[in-house]
Each structure stands twice: as structure tokens, then as C-alpha cells.
N, C-alpha and C. Protein backbone atom coordinates (compact mmCIF):
# COMPACT_ATOMS: atom_id res chain seq x y z
N MET A 1 149.19 100.14 -2.63
CA MET A 1 150.58 100.45 -2.40
C MET A 1 150.73 101.94 -2.07
N ASN A 2 151.57 102.26 -1.14
CA ASN A 2 151.81 103.62 -0.70
C ASN A 2 152.53 104.41 -1.79
N GLU A 3 152.07 105.66 -2.03
CA GLU A 3 152.71 106.51 -3.05
C GLU A 3 154.14 106.85 -2.67
N TRP A 4 154.42 106.99 -1.39
CA TRP A 4 155.75 107.35 -0.93
C TRP A 4 156.33 106.14 -0.21
N GLN A 5 157.05 105.35 -0.94
CA GLN A 5 157.71 104.20 -0.34
C GLN A 5 159.00 104.69 0.28
N PHE A 6 159.41 104.05 1.37
CA PHE A 6 160.61 104.51 2.07
C PHE A 6 161.80 104.60 1.12
N PHE A 7 162.10 103.54 0.42
CA PHE A 7 163.13 103.57 -0.60
C PHE A 7 162.58 102.93 -1.86
N THR A 8 162.34 103.75 -2.86
CA THR A 8 161.83 103.21 -4.12
C THR A 8 162.94 102.42 -4.79
N ALA A 9 162.55 101.50 -5.61
CA ALA A 9 163.53 100.69 -6.33
C ALA A 9 164.32 101.59 -7.27
N LEU A 10 165.61 101.39 -7.31
CA LEU A 10 166.45 102.15 -8.22
C LEU A 10 166.51 101.40 -9.54
N THR A 11 165.91 102.00 -10.56
CA THR A 11 165.80 101.37 -11.87
C THR A 11 166.15 102.39 -12.94
N PRO A 12 167.17 102.13 -13.75
CA PRO A 12 167.48 103.10 -14.81
C PRO A 12 166.33 103.17 -15.80
N GLY A 13 166.07 104.36 -16.32
CA GLY A 13 164.98 104.50 -17.28
C GLY A 13 165.04 105.81 -18.03
N TRP A 14 164.33 105.83 -19.15
CA TRP A 14 164.30 107.03 -19.98
C TRP A 14 163.46 108.13 -19.38
N PHE A 15 162.42 107.78 -18.63
CA PHE A 15 161.55 108.79 -18.03
C PHE A 15 161.78 108.80 -16.52
N ASN A 16 163.00 109.12 -16.16
CA ASN A 16 163.38 109.16 -14.75
C ASN A 16 163.75 110.59 -14.35
N ALA A 17 164.11 110.74 -13.11
CA ALA A 17 164.42 112.04 -12.54
C ALA A 17 165.62 112.72 -13.21
N TRP A 18 166.40 112.00 -13.96
CA TRP A 18 167.58 112.59 -14.60
C TRP A 18 167.20 113.68 -15.60
N ILE A 19 166.03 113.60 -16.18
CA ILE A 19 165.64 114.57 -17.22
C ILE A 19 165.68 116.01 -16.68
N PRO A 20 164.93 116.34 -15.63
CA PRO A 20 165.01 117.71 -15.13
C PRO A 20 166.32 118.03 -14.42
N VAL A 21 166.89 117.05 -13.74
CA VAL A 21 168.15 117.28 -13.02
C VAL A 21 169.26 117.64 -14.00
N TRP A 22 169.45 116.80 -15.01
CA TRP A 22 170.48 117.07 -15.99
C TRP A 22 170.13 118.29 -16.84
N GLY A 23 168.83 118.53 -17.04
CA GLY A 23 168.39 119.69 -17.80
C GLY A 23 168.81 121.00 -17.14
N MET A 24 168.67 121.07 -15.82
CA MET A 24 169.07 122.29 -15.12
C MET A 24 170.59 122.49 -15.18
N VAL A 25 171.33 121.42 -15.14
CA VAL A 25 172.79 121.53 -15.27
C VAL A 25 173.15 121.99 -16.68
N LEU A 26 172.45 121.47 -17.67
CA LEU A 26 172.69 121.88 -19.06
C LEU A 26 172.41 123.38 -19.24
N ILE A 27 171.37 123.87 -18.60
CA ILE A 27 171.06 125.30 -18.67
C ILE A 27 172.23 126.13 -18.15
N GLN A 28 172.89 125.67 -17.11
CA GLN A 28 174.06 126.39 -16.59
C GLN A 28 175.13 126.53 -17.66
N PHE A 29 175.40 125.45 -18.37
CA PHE A 29 176.43 125.48 -19.40
C PHE A 29 176.02 126.36 -20.59
N VAL A 30 174.76 126.32 -20.95
CA VAL A 30 174.28 127.16 -22.05
C VAL A 30 174.46 128.64 -21.70
N PHE A 31 174.06 129.02 -20.49
CA PHE A 31 174.21 130.42 -20.10
C PHE A 31 175.68 130.81 -19.96
N MET A 32 176.51 129.91 -19.50
CA MET A 32 177.95 130.22 -19.41
C MET A 32 178.52 130.44 -20.81
N PHE A 33 177.99 129.74 -21.79
CA PHE A 33 178.43 129.93 -23.17
C PHE A 33 177.90 131.25 -23.73
N LEU A 34 176.62 131.55 -23.48
CA LEU A 34 176.01 132.76 -24.00
C LEU A 34 176.56 134.02 -23.34
N TYR A 35 176.81 133.94 -22.06
CA TYR A 35 177.32 135.08 -21.29
C TYR A 35 178.71 134.73 -20.77
N ARG A 36 179.67 134.75 -21.65
CA ARG A 36 181.02 134.27 -21.32
C ARG A 36 181.66 135.02 -20.15
N GLU A 37 181.52 136.33 -20.12
CA GLU A 37 182.10 137.09 -19.01
C GLU A 37 181.45 136.70 -17.69
N GLY A 38 180.13 136.62 -17.70
CA GLY A 38 179.42 136.18 -16.50
C GLY A 38 179.80 134.77 -16.11
N GLY A 39 179.98 133.91 -17.11
CA GLY A 39 180.40 132.53 -16.85
C GLY A 39 181.77 132.46 -16.20
N LYS A 40 182.70 133.25 -16.70
CA LYS A 40 184.05 133.29 -16.10
C LYS A 40 183.96 133.78 -14.65
N ARG A 41 183.16 134.79 -14.47
CA ARG A 41 183.00 135.36 -13.13
C ARG A 41 182.37 134.35 -12.18
N ALA A 42 181.41 133.60 -12.68
CA ALA A 42 180.70 132.63 -11.84
C ALA A 42 181.58 131.48 -11.38
N VAL A 43 182.55 131.10 -12.20
CA VAL A 43 183.39 129.95 -11.83
C VAL A 43 184.74 130.35 -11.27
N ASP A 44 184.97 131.65 -11.08
CA ASP A 44 186.22 132.11 -10.48
C ASP A 44 186.23 131.75 -8.99
N THR A 45 187.12 130.89 -8.62
CA THR A 45 187.25 130.49 -7.23
C THR A 45 188.62 130.86 -6.67
N SER A 46 189.30 131.78 -7.32
CA SER A 46 190.66 132.16 -6.90
C SER A 46 190.68 132.73 -5.48
N TRP A 47 189.59 133.22 -5.01
CA TRP A 47 189.52 133.84 -3.69
C TRP A 47 189.16 132.85 -2.58
N TYR A 48 188.85 131.60 -2.94
CA TYR A 48 188.44 130.61 -1.94
C TYR A 48 189.51 130.43 -0.87
N THR A 49 189.04 130.32 0.36
CA THR A 49 189.91 129.88 1.45
C THR A 49 189.92 128.35 1.42
N ALA A 50 190.75 127.74 2.25
CA ALA A 50 190.77 126.27 2.31
C ALA A 50 189.39 125.73 2.71
N LYS A 51 188.74 126.41 3.62
CA LYS A 51 187.39 126.00 4.07
C LYS A 51 186.39 126.13 2.93
N ASP A 52 186.46 127.23 2.17
CA ASP A 52 185.56 127.43 1.03
C ASP A 52 185.77 126.33 -0.01
N ARG A 53 187.03 125.99 -0.27
CA ARG A 53 187.35 124.93 -1.23
C ARG A 53 186.76 123.59 -0.79
N ARG A 54 186.91 123.30 0.48
CA ARG A 54 186.38 122.04 1.03
C ARG A 54 184.85 122.01 0.90
N ASN A 55 184.19 123.11 1.28
CA ASN A 55 182.72 123.15 1.18
C ASN A 55 182.27 123.02 -0.27
N ALA A 56 182.95 123.72 -1.18
CA ALA A 56 182.59 123.65 -2.61
C ALA A 56 182.84 122.25 -3.15
N LEU A 57 183.92 121.62 -2.70
CA LEU A 57 184.21 120.25 -3.16
C LEU A 57 183.11 119.29 -2.71
N TRP A 58 182.69 119.40 -1.47
CA TRP A 58 181.60 118.54 -0.98
C TRP A 58 180.30 118.84 -1.70
N SER A 59 180.02 120.11 -1.94
CA SER A 59 178.82 120.49 -2.68
C SER A 59 178.85 119.86 -4.07
N THR A 60 179.99 119.95 -4.73
CA THR A 60 180.14 119.36 -6.06
C THR A 60 180.00 117.84 -6.01
N PHE A 61 180.58 117.22 -5.00
CA PHE A 61 180.46 115.76 -4.84
C PHE A 61 178.98 115.35 -4.75
N PHE A 62 178.22 116.07 -3.93
CA PHE A 62 176.81 115.71 -3.78
C PHE A 62 176.00 116.06 -5.02
N GLN A 63 176.39 117.10 -5.75
CA GLN A 63 175.69 117.41 -7.01
C GLN A 63 175.95 116.29 -8.03
N ILE A 64 177.16 115.82 -8.13
CA ILE A 64 177.47 114.73 -9.06
C ILE A 64 176.74 113.46 -8.63
N THR A 65 176.71 113.21 -7.33
CA THR A 65 175.97 112.05 -6.82
C THR A 65 174.50 112.17 -7.17
N LEU A 66 173.94 113.37 -7.04
CA LEU A 66 172.55 113.62 -7.42
C LEU A 66 172.33 113.33 -8.89
N LEU A 67 173.24 113.78 -9.74
CA LEU A 67 173.14 113.53 -11.17
C LEU A 67 173.13 112.02 -11.46
N LEU A 68 173.99 111.29 -10.78
CA LEU A 68 174.07 109.84 -11.01
C LEU A 68 172.86 109.10 -10.46
N VAL A 69 172.46 109.42 -9.24
CA VAL A 69 171.31 108.73 -8.63
C VAL A 69 170.04 109.01 -9.42
N SER A 70 169.91 110.23 -9.96
CA SER A 70 168.69 110.60 -10.68
C SER A 70 168.42 109.71 -11.90
N VAL A 71 169.45 109.12 -12.45
CA VAL A 71 169.29 108.21 -13.60
C VAL A 71 168.48 106.98 -13.19
N PHE A 72 168.53 106.62 -11.92
CA PHE A 72 167.91 105.38 -11.43
C PHE A 72 166.61 105.60 -10.67
N VAL A 73 166.12 106.85 -10.64
CA VAL A 73 164.92 107.15 -9.86
C VAL A 73 163.75 107.47 -10.79
N PRO A 74 162.76 106.57 -10.83
CA PRO A 74 161.59 106.82 -11.69
C PRO A 74 160.63 107.83 -11.06
N PHE A 75 159.93 108.55 -11.92
CA PHE A 75 158.88 109.45 -11.45
C PHE A 75 157.69 108.64 -11.00
N LYS A 76 156.86 109.23 -10.14
CA LYS A 76 155.60 108.62 -9.70
C LYS A 76 154.46 109.30 -10.45
N THR A 77 154.40 109.06 -11.76
CA THR A 77 153.37 109.70 -12.58
C THR A 77 151.99 109.27 -12.12
N GLY A 78 151.02 110.14 -12.35
CA GLY A 78 149.65 109.83 -11.97
C GLY A 78 149.36 110.05 -10.50
N THR A 79 150.30 110.63 -9.76
CA THR A 79 150.08 110.87 -8.33
C THR A 79 150.04 112.38 -8.08
N ALA A 80 149.51 112.75 -6.94
CA ALA A 80 149.53 114.16 -6.54
C ALA A 80 150.97 114.63 -6.34
N TRP A 81 151.83 113.73 -5.86
CA TRP A 81 153.24 114.07 -5.65
C TRP A 81 153.88 114.51 -6.98
N PHE A 82 153.58 113.80 -8.04
CA PHE A 82 154.14 114.13 -9.35
C PHE A 82 153.64 115.49 -9.81
N ALA A 83 152.35 115.74 -9.65
CA ALA A 83 151.77 117.02 -10.07
C ALA A 83 152.38 118.18 -9.29
N VAL A 84 152.48 118.05 -7.98
CA VAL A 84 153.06 119.10 -7.14
C VAL A 84 154.53 119.31 -7.52
N GLY A 85 155.26 118.23 -7.71
CA GLY A 85 156.66 118.34 -8.10
C GLY A 85 156.85 119.03 -9.44
N CYS A 86 155.98 118.73 -10.38
CA CYS A 86 156.07 119.37 -11.71
C CYS A 86 155.81 120.87 -11.65
N VAL A 87 154.79 121.27 -10.89
CA VAL A 87 154.48 122.69 -10.75
C VAL A 87 155.64 123.41 -10.06
N LEU A 88 156.13 122.83 -8.99
CA LEU A 88 157.25 123.43 -8.26
C LEU A 88 158.50 123.50 -9.14
N PHE A 89 158.73 122.47 -9.93
CA PHE A 89 159.89 122.48 -10.83
C PHE A 89 159.74 123.57 -11.88
N ALA A 90 158.55 123.73 -12.44
CA ALA A 90 158.34 124.77 -13.46
C ALA A 90 158.62 126.15 -12.88
N LEU A 91 158.17 126.40 -11.66
CA LEU A 91 158.44 127.69 -11.01
C LEU A 91 159.94 127.88 -10.77
N SER A 92 160.59 126.83 -10.31
CA SER A 92 162.02 126.94 -10.04
C SER A 92 162.81 127.13 -11.34
N LEU A 93 162.38 126.50 -12.40
CA LEU A 93 163.05 126.64 -13.69
C LEU A 93 162.95 128.08 -14.21
N MET A 94 161.78 128.69 -14.06
CA MET A 94 161.62 130.09 -14.48
C MET A 94 162.54 131.01 -13.65
N ALA A 95 162.59 130.79 -12.35
CA ALA A 95 163.46 131.60 -11.49
C ALA A 95 164.93 131.36 -11.82
N PHE A 96 165.28 130.12 -12.14
CA PHE A 96 166.65 129.75 -12.47
C PHE A 96 167.11 130.48 -13.73
N ILE A 97 166.28 130.45 -14.74
CA ILE A 97 166.61 131.13 -16.01
C ILE A 97 166.67 132.64 -15.80
N ALA A 98 165.74 133.18 -15.04
CA ALA A 98 165.75 134.62 -14.75
C ALA A 98 167.02 135.02 -14.00
N ALA A 99 167.47 134.17 -13.09
CA ALA A 99 168.69 134.46 -12.33
C ALA A 99 169.91 134.46 -13.24
N PHE A 100 169.99 133.50 -14.14
CA PHE A 100 171.12 133.46 -15.07
C PHE A 100 171.09 134.67 -16.00
N TYR A 101 169.92 135.04 -16.44
CA TYR A 101 169.82 136.19 -17.33
C TYR A 101 170.29 137.46 -16.61
N ALA A 102 169.82 137.67 -15.38
CA ALA A 102 170.21 138.86 -14.61
C ALA A 102 171.71 138.85 -14.33
N TYR A 103 172.25 137.70 -14.03
CA TYR A 103 173.69 137.59 -13.75
C TYR A 103 174.49 137.90 -15.01
N GLY A 104 174.07 137.35 -16.12
CA GLY A 104 174.78 137.58 -17.38
C GLY A 104 174.68 139.00 -17.88
N ALA A 105 173.59 139.67 -17.56
CA ALA A 105 173.38 141.04 -18.03
C ALA A 105 174.05 142.08 -17.13
N ALA A 106 174.48 141.66 -15.95
CA ALA A 106 175.06 142.60 -14.99
C ALA A 106 176.49 143.00 -15.38
N SER A 107 176.88 144.16 -14.90
CA SER A 107 178.24 144.64 -15.11
C SER A 107 179.21 143.75 -14.32
N PRO A 108 180.31 143.33 -14.93
CA PRO A 108 181.26 142.47 -14.22
C PRO A 108 181.99 143.18 -13.08
N ASP A 109 181.90 144.51 -13.03
CA ASP A 109 182.60 145.28 -12.00
C ASP A 109 181.74 145.59 -10.79
N GLU A 110 180.50 145.14 -10.80
CA GLU A 110 179.59 145.46 -9.71
C GLU A 110 178.90 144.20 -9.21
N ALA A 111 178.42 144.26 -7.97
CA ALA A 111 177.62 143.16 -7.43
C ALA A 111 176.34 143.05 -8.25
N VAL A 112 175.89 141.84 -8.45
CA VAL A 112 174.66 141.62 -9.21
C VAL A 112 173.48 141.90 -8.26
N THR A 113 172.70 142.93 -8.60
CA THR A 113 171.58 143.32 -7.73
C THR A 113 170.29 143.55 -8.51
N GLY A 114 170.32 143.38 -9.84
CA GLY A 114 169.15 143.63 -10.65
C GLY A 114 168.36 142.38 -10.94
N GLY A 115 167.22 142.55 -11.60
CA GLY A 115 166.38 141.42 -11.95
C GLY A 115 165.91 140.68 -10.71
N VAL A 116 165.96 139.37 -10.77
CA VAL A 116 165.50 138.54 -9.66
C VAL A 116 166.41 138.69 -8.43
N TYR A 117 167.60 139.22 -8.64
CA TYR A 117 168.52 139.48 -7.52
C TYR A 117 168.01 140.59 -6.60
N ARG A 118 166.99 141.31 -7.01
CA ARG A 118 166.36 142.29 -6.12
C ARG A 118 165.61 141.59 -4.99
N TYR A 119 165.25 140.34 -5.20
CA TYR A 119 164.45 139.60 -4.22
C TYR A 119 165.23 138.53 -3.48
N SER A 120 166.38 138.19 -3.99
CA SER A 120 167.21 137.16 -3.37
C SER A 120 168.67 137.40 -3.73
N ARG A 121 169.54 137.25 -2.73
CA ARG A 121 170.97 137.40 -3.01
C ARG A 121 171.54 136.18 -3.73
N ASN A 122 170.83 135.09 -3.69
CA ASN A 122 171.32 133.84 -4.27
C ASN A 122 170.23 133.10 -5.04
N PRO A 123 169.62 133.75 -6.02
CA PRO A 123 168.49 133.11 -6.70
C PRO A 123 168.89 131.90 -7.55
N MET A 124 170.11 131.87 -8.08
CA MET A 124 170.52 130.70 -8.87
C MET A 124 170.56 129.46 -7.98
N TYR A 125 171.25 129.59 -6.86
CA TYR A 125 171.34 128.46 -5.93
C TYR A 125 169.96 128.06 -5.43
N PHE A 126 169.19 129.06 -5.02
CA PHE A 126 167.86 128.77 -4.48
C PHE A 126 166.99 128.05 -5.51
N ALA A 127 166.97 128.57 -6.73
CA ALA A 127 166.12 127.97 -7.77
C ALA A 127 166.60 126.57 -8.12
N PHE A 128 167.91 126.38 -8.21
CA PHE A 128 168.43 125.05 -8.52
C PHE A 128 168.05 124.06 -7.42
N HIS A 129 168.24 124.44 -6.18
CA HIS A 129 167.91 123.53 -5.08
C HIS A 129 166.40 123.29 -4.97
N LEU A 130 165.61 124.32 -5.21
CA LEU A 130 164.16 124.14 -5.22
C LEU A 130 163.77 123.17 -6.34
N GLY A 131 164.41 123.30 -7.49
CA GLY A 131 164.16 122.37 -8.60
C GLY A 131 164.50 120.94 -8.23
N MET A 132 165.61 120.76 -7.53
CA MET A 132 166.01 119.41 -7.12
C MET A 132 165.03 118.85 -6.08
N LEU A 133 164.56 119.71 -5.19
CA LEU A 133 163.55 119.27 -4.23
C LEU A 133 162.25 118.91 -4.96
N ALA A 134 161.90 119.67 -5.98
CA ALA A 134 160.71 119.38 -6.78
C ALA A 134 160.82 118.02 -7.46
N VAL A 135 162.00 117.70 -7.97
CA VAL A 135 162.23 116.39 -8.60
C VAL A 135 162.09 115.29 -7.55
N CYS A 136 162.59 115.56 -6.37
CA CYS A 136 162.47 114.59 -5.27
C CYS A 136 161.00 114.35 -4.95
N ILE A 137 160.21 115.41 -4.93
CA ILE A 137 158.78 115.29 -4.66
C ILE A 137 158.09 114.53 -5.79
N ALA A 138 158.40 114.87 -7.04
CA ALA A 138 157.75 114.23 -8.20
C ALA A 138 158.07 112.74 -8.28
N SER A 139 159.20 112.37 -7.74
CA SER A 139 159.59 110.95 -7.79
C SER A 139 159.36 110.26 -6.45
N THR A 140 158.98 111.03 -5.43
CA THR A 140 158.82 110.55 -4.06
C THR A 140 159.99 109.66 -3.64
N SER A 141 161.18 110.16 -3.90
CA SER A 141 162.37 109.36 -3.65
C SER A 141 163.16 109.83 -2.44
N LEU A 142 163.25 108.96 -1.47
CA LEU A 142 164.12 109.27 -0.34
C LEU A 142 165.59 109.10 -0.71
N TRP A 143 165.86 108.34 -1.76
CA TRP A 143 167.24 108.24 -2.26
C TRP A 143 167.74 109.63 -2.65
N LEU A 144 166.92 110.36 -3.38
CA LEU A 144 167.30 111.71 -3.78
C LEU A 144 167.37 112.64 -2.57
N LEU A 145 166.44 112.49 -1.65
CA LEU A 145 166.43 113.33 -0.46
C LEU A 145 167.71 113.14 0.36
N ILE A 146 168.18 111.91 0.44
CA ILE A 146 169.41 111.62 1.18
C ILE A 146 170.60 112.36 0.56
N VAL A 147 170.59 112.52 -0.74
CA VAL A 147 171.67 113.23 -1.42
C VAL A 147 171.43 114.75 -1.37
N ILE A 148 170.19 115.17 -1.48
CA ILE A 148 169.88 116.60 -1.56
C ILE A 148 170.19 117.33 -0.25
N VAL A 149 169.91 116.72 0.87
CA VAL A 149 170.11 117.41 2.15
C VAL A 149 171.57 117.83 2.35
N PRO A 150 172.54 116.92 2.24
CA PRO A 150 173.93 117.41 2.40
C PRO A 150 174.35 118.33 1.26
N PHE A 151 173.79 118.16 0.07
CA PHE A 151 174.06 119.06 -1.04
C PHE A 151 173.63 120.47 -0.65
N PHE A 152 172.43 120.62 -0.08
CA PHE A 152 171.95 121.92 0.39
C PHE A 152 172.90 122.50 1.43
N VAL A 153 173.28 121.68 2.39
CA VAL A 153 174.12 122.15 3.50
C VAL A 153 175.46 122.67 3.00
N PHE A 154 176.15 121.88 2.18
CA PHE A 154 177.47 122.30 1.71
C PHE A 154 177.38 123.47 0.72
N THR A 155 176.31 123.55 -0.03
CA THR A 155 176.13 124.70 -0.91
C THR A 155 175.89 125.96 -0.08
N HIS A 156 175.10 125.83 0.97
CA HIS A 156 174.87 126.98 1.86
C HIS A 156 176.19 127.47 2.46
N LEU A 157 177.03 126.55 2.88
CA LEU A 157 178.33 126.93 3.44
C LEU A 157 179.20 127.61 2.37
N THR A 158 179.10 127.15 1.15
CA THR A 158 179.82 127.80 0.04
C THR A 158 179.29 129.21 -0.18
N ILE A 159 177.98 129.37 -0.10
CA ILE A 159 177.35 130.68 -0.27
C ILE A 159 177.85 131.66 0.81
N LEU A 160 177.99 131.18 2.02
CA LEU A 160 178.50 132.06 3.08
C LEU A 160 179.88 132.60 2.71
N GLY A 161 180.72 131.75 2.13
CA GLY A 161 182.03 132.20 1.67
C GLY A 161 181.91 133.21 0.54
N GLU A 162 181.00 132.95 -0.39
CA GLU A 162 180.81 133.88 -1.51
C GLU A 162 180.32 135.24 -1.02
N GLU A 163 179.45 135.23 -0.04
CA GLU A 163 178.96 136.51 0.49
C GLU A 163 180.08 137.25 1.22
N ARG A 164 180.94 136.53 1.89
CA ARG A 164 182.10 137.15 2.54
C ARG A 164 182.99 137.80 1.47
N TYR A 165 183.20 137.10 0.37
CA TYR A 165 183.99 137.63 -0.74
C TYR A 165 183.33 138.87 -1.34
N CYS A 166 182.02 138.83 -1.54
CA CYS A 166 181.31 139.98 -2.11
C CYS A 166 181.41 141.20 -1.20
N GLU A 167 181.33 140.98 0.10
CA GLU A 167 181.49 142.11 1.04
C GLU A 167 182.88 142.71 0.92
N ALA A 168 183.91 141.87 0.85
CA ALA A 168 185.28 142.36 0.73
C ALA A 168 185.51 143.05 -0.61
N THR A 169 184.88 142.56 -1.67
CA THR A 169 185.08 143.10 -3.01
C THR A 169 184.27 144.36 -3.28
N TYR A 170 183.00 144.36 -2.90
CA TYR A 170 182.10 145.47 -3.24
C TYR A 170 181.80 146.40 -2.08
N GLY A 171 182.30 146.07 -0.90
CA GLY A 171 182.23 146.96 0.26
C GLY A 171 180.84 147.35 0.70
N GLU A 172 180.68 148.63 0.96
CA GLU A 172 179.44 149.16 1.52
C GLU A 172 178.25 148.93 0.59
N THR A 173 178.49 148.98 -0.71
CA THR A 173 177.41 148.75 -1.67
C THR A 173 176.79 147.36 -1.45
N TYR A 174 177.64 146.36 -1.27
CA TYR A 174 177.13 145.01 -1.05
C TYR A 174 176.50 144.88 0.33
N ARG A 175 177.11 145.50 1.34
CA ARG A 175 176.53 145.43 2.69
C ARG A 175 175.12 146.04 2.72
N ALA A 176 174.94 147.14 2.00
CA ALA A 176 173.60 147.76 1.94
C ALA A 176 172.63 146.83 1.21
N TYR A 177 173.08 146.24 0.12
CA TYR A 177 172.26 145.29 -0.63
C TYR A 177 171.90 144.10 0.26
N LYS A 178 172.89 143.59 0.98
CA LYS A 178 172.70 142.44 1.86
C LYS A 178 171.69 142.76 2.97
N ALA A 179 171.72 143.98 3.47
CA ALA A 179 170.82 144.38 4.56
C ALA A 179 169.36 144.42 4.12
N LYS A 180 169.12 144.70 2.84
CA LYS A 180 167.72 144.84 2.39
C LYS A 180 167.22 143.66 1.57
N THR A 181 168.10 142.72 1.20
CA THR A 181 167.70 141.62 0.33
C THR A 181 167.95 140.28 1.02
N PRO A 182 166.91 139.47 1.17
CA PRO A 182 167.12 138.17 1.83
C PRO A 182 168.01 137.25 1.01
N ARG A 183 168.66 136.35 1.70
CA ARG A 183 169.56 135.41 1.03
C ARG A 183 168.80 134.49 0.09
N TYR A 184 167.69 133.93 0.55
CA TYR A 184 166.91 132.98 -0.23
C TYR A 184 165.45 133.44 -0.32
N PHE A 185 165.20 134.47 -1.07
CA PHE A 185 163.87 135.06 -1.21
C PHE A 185 163.33 135.43 0.15
N LEU A 186 162.37 134.75 0.70
CA LEU A 186 161.79 135.16 1.99
C LEU A 186 162.58 134.66 3.18
N ILE A 187 163.63 133.88 2.94
CA ILE A 187 164.38 133.24 4.03
C ILE A 187 165.77 133.84 4.11
N GLY A 188 166.15 134.28 5.28
CA GLY A 188 167.54 134.67 5.54
C GLY A 188 167.88 136.04 5.21
């Protein structure tokens, strides 16, 4: 039997893709609780335009869909896909936690540019999406891939709005940061 079936059977289970997917979402809530000011800042959408709201809504829709679908997607343990996915997920989890720590430790009056933000303007998003891709690889699920691709797209569009807001809020400081720091580590 092929390790990567076009559409794996959707079967709810205790050892399914939901564990890391829901775990990364839980980490977001823990950090928002630990770093309350950073948490408030992270969820402030008062500056959204109608287009930003629409993109964020679609991103949220696909994230919720990912959370739900992950409950029904079993891992492909004992395969190279599972091993690669686990290693990639571990790396993304470390970057995700480092991004939250740097965000929480930053001054609320300045753009976040320290810690892992020295290497990426959007390390939280990047690490979260890399983690979701890792889960997709570990489960070899095209079901997850179908949800992840539009999730990536609408999150990217949301990020473009956030960067526009950061430029308007932090001015030249952010533009200089943006000029020297890629959006997604080595990309952008």
C-alpha cells in the first residue's frame, strides 16, 4: 500500500493530527495569558480595513476547519513521512515559542524587532504554518493540505494588512526594519 494515499480515510482517533494542531493553538492562549499586554496587542484589530477583516475572517475559517479536520486524520507512524513531519514540527514549535516570547517581552510602544523577529517579520505565522505543514507531512493527508493552502493564502493577505498598519504606526523605524528583515525568514 502506498504511504501517501490520495485521500486517507477520515477516522476520529486519540493519536491523530489534532494533538499537535490543537497544541499549537493552546500555546497561543497560554502566552496570551502570560503576556497579557502582548496578547491584547496581538488581537487588536481596530485598525482593520474591510478587506483586512474579510481576509482575517477567511483565515480564521480555514484555521477552524483545520482544527476540525485534524481530529479525523490519523498519523502515518512508522513511515519516513512521519519522521520528517515530527522533526519539522519540533523545529516549528521551538520557533513558535521563541516568537511568542519575543513578542511578549517587547515594548508595547514599539515594533517587535528582537529575538527571532531579527530573522523574520512574521515568525509566529511562519512557525504556525510550518507546524501545520509538518502535521500534514506526518499524516500524509491531502485533506489537511486542501485546508492548509487557502489558510496560508488568507493569512498571508492578513499579514500584508498588518505590515501596512505597522508602517503607518511605527513609520521609518518599521520601514528600516522591513528593508533588512525578510517576511518569512529566508523568503520575502
